[in-house]
Protein backbone atom coordinates (compact mmCIF):
# COMPACT_ATOMS: atom_id res chain seq x y z
CA MET A 1 5.38 22.21 7.62
CA ILE A 2 5.67 18.70 6.02
CA ALA A 3 9.37 18.98 6.73
CA GLU A 4 8.70 19.34 10.62
CA LEU A 5 7.01 16.11 10.81
CA ASN A 6 9.01 13.41 12.31
CA PHE A 7 9.30 9.63 11.41
CA GLY A 8 7.09 8.63 14.13
CA PHE A 9 4.36 10.64 12.53
CA TRP A 10 4.81 9.41 8.95
CA SER A 11 5.09 5.69 10.12
CA SER A 12 1.68 6.35 12.06
CA VAL A 13 -0.07 7.61 9.14
CA PHE A 14 -0.12 4.19 7.88
CA GLY A 15 -1.39 2.59 10.94
CA ARG A 16 -5.04 1.31 11.64
CA SER A 17 -6.01 4.55 13.23
CA SER A 18 -5.42 6.29 9.98
CA ASN A 19 -6.97 3.84 7.61
CA HIS A 20 -9.31 6.74 6.27
CA LEU A 21 -6.20 8.25 4.65
CA TRP A 22 -5.05 5.05 2.66
CA GLY A 23 -7.42 5.96 -0.33
CA THR A 24 -5.51 9.31 -0.42
CA LEU A 25 -2.00 7.84 0.06
CA ARG A 26 -2.37 4.74 -2.17
CA PRO A 27 -1.48 6.53 -5.29
CA ILE A 28 2.17 7.29 -3.89
CA PHE A 29 3.02 3.53 -3.98
CA GLN A 30 3.72 2.16 -7.70
CA THR A 31 3.44 -1.63 -6.69
CA ALA A 32 0.00 -3.12 -7.67
CA GLY A 33 -1.73 -4.98 -4.62
CA LEU A 34 0.00 -3.34 -2.13
CA LYS A 35 -1.58 -3.53 1.43
CA ARG A 36 -1.60 -0.74 4.01
CA ALA A 37 -0.71 -3.23 6.81
CA ILE A 38 2.17 -4.34 4.96
CA ILE A 39 3.59 -0.84 4.57
CA ALA A 40 2.63 -0.16 8.53
CA GLN A 41 4.53 -3.22 9.77
CA LYS A 42 7.57 -2.32 7.71
CA LEU A 43 7.57 1.30 9.01
CA ARG A 44 6.89 0.03 12.79
CA ASP A 45 10.04 -2.16 12.48
CA LEU A 46 12.14 0.59 10.89
CA ARG A 47 10.91 2.91 13.35
CA ARG A 48 12.11 0.48 16.53
CA LEU A 49 15.34 0.34 14.79
CA ARG A 50 15.51 3.95 14.36
CA ASN A 51 14.59 4.48 18.05
CA ARG A 52 17.22 2.01 19.29
CA ILE A 53 19.97 3.69 17.65
CA ALA A 54 18.65 7.21 18.70
CA HIS A 55 18.78 5.92 22.37
CA TYR A 56 22.30 4.29 22.16
CA GLU A 57 20.66 0.99 22.52
CA PRO A 58 22.36 -2.22 21.21
CA ILE A 59 21.53 -3.42 17.53
CA LEU A 60 23.69 -6.11 16.98
CA ALA A 61 21.13 -8.63 17.71
CA GLN A 62 18.61 -6.95 15.32
CA PRO A 63 17.85 -8.50 11.73
CA ILE A 64 19.84 -5.75 10.13
CA PRO A 65 19.89 -7.37 6.58
CA THR A 66 16.15 -8.03 6.65
CA LEU A 67 15.45 -4.23 7.94
CA HIS A 68 18.02 -2.94 5.28
CA GLN A 69 15.77 -5.16 2.50
CA ASP A 70 12.69 -3.34 4.00
CA ILE A 71 14.42 0.16 3.11
CA LEU A 72 14.97 -1.10 -0.35
CA ASN A 73 11.30 -2.40 -0.65
CA LEU A 74 9.56 0.62 0.78
CA THR A 75 11.81 2.76 -1.53
CA ALA A 76 11.07 0.57 -4.48
CA TRP A 77 7.22 0.62 -3.94
CA MET A 78 7.26 4.42 -4.33
CA SER A 79 10.22 4.79 -6.67
CA PRO A 80 12.04 2.02 -8.39
CA VAL A 81 14.72 4.65 -9.56
CA ALA A 82 15.63 5.72 -6.05
CA SER A 83 15.78 2.23 -4.68
CA ALA A 84 18.23 1.26 -7.57
CA TRP A 85 20.32 4.47 -6.64
CA ILE A 86 20.27 3.44 -2.82
CA THR A 87 21.53 -0.23 -3.89
CA THR A 88 24.06 1.23 -6.45
CA HIS A 89 25.61 3.54 -3.64
CA ALA A 90 24.95 1.41 -0.45
CA LEU A 91 28.44 1.13 1.34
CA ALA A 92 27.39 -2.48 2.84
CA ALA A 93 26.63 -5.54 1.21
CA TYR A 94 24.02 -7.66 3.25
CA PRO A 95 23.99 -10.10 4.34
CA ALA A 96 27.77 -10.67 3.28
CA THR A 97 28.98 -8.07 5.90
CA PRO A 98 30.09 -9.58 9.07
CA VAL A 99 28.75 -7.98 12.13
CA ILE A 100 30.84 -9.92 14.78
CA ILE A 101 34.26 -11.02 13.92
CA LYS A 102 35.20 -14.17 15.55
CA ASP A 103 38.88 -14.75 16.80
CA ALA A 104 41.35 -17.61 16.01
CA ALA A 105 39.46 -20.14 18.17
CA GLY A 106 36.15 -19.12 16.55
CA VAL A 107 34.78 -17.64 19.65
CA SER A 108 33.26 -13.91 19.29
CA ILE A 109 34.95 -11.51 21.75
CA PHE A 110 31.39 -10.08 22.04
CA ASP A 111 29.60 -13.22 23.08
CA GLN A 112 29.48 -12.48 26.87
CA ALA A 113 28.53 -9.04 26.69
CA LEU A 114 25.59 -9.86 24.16
CA ALA A 115 24.40 -12.62 26.13
CA GLY A 116 21.53 -10.69 27.58
CA HIS A 117 20.88 -8.94 24.12
CA LEU A 118 20.51 -12.06 21.90
CA PRO A 119 17.13 -13.97 21.32
CA VAL A 120 16.97 -17.25 22.89
């Protein structure tokens, strides 16, 4: 049954409406002083990214390096060994990996296409 529960369910478990479960779930996290609200916010942000990807929406304007670090933090809070494994085996090095490559004139070929998606 647990395998059938989706990411939306697990991220909502840490929301305000499920605050009564925090005492039961707190021992999963090995980091002292960690607050439920911090976990809930990071999971909400990751769920939004996951949903954008699942619905083929643009993600170039999303803070990918920050979200990548959030994944590492969430994992480290539960298992420092697993977080170290992810870091060792990750194929992308953030923030050094460029998302948009500029041409010789220094202008991105995606600037006009992204204009409606980038924050002002």
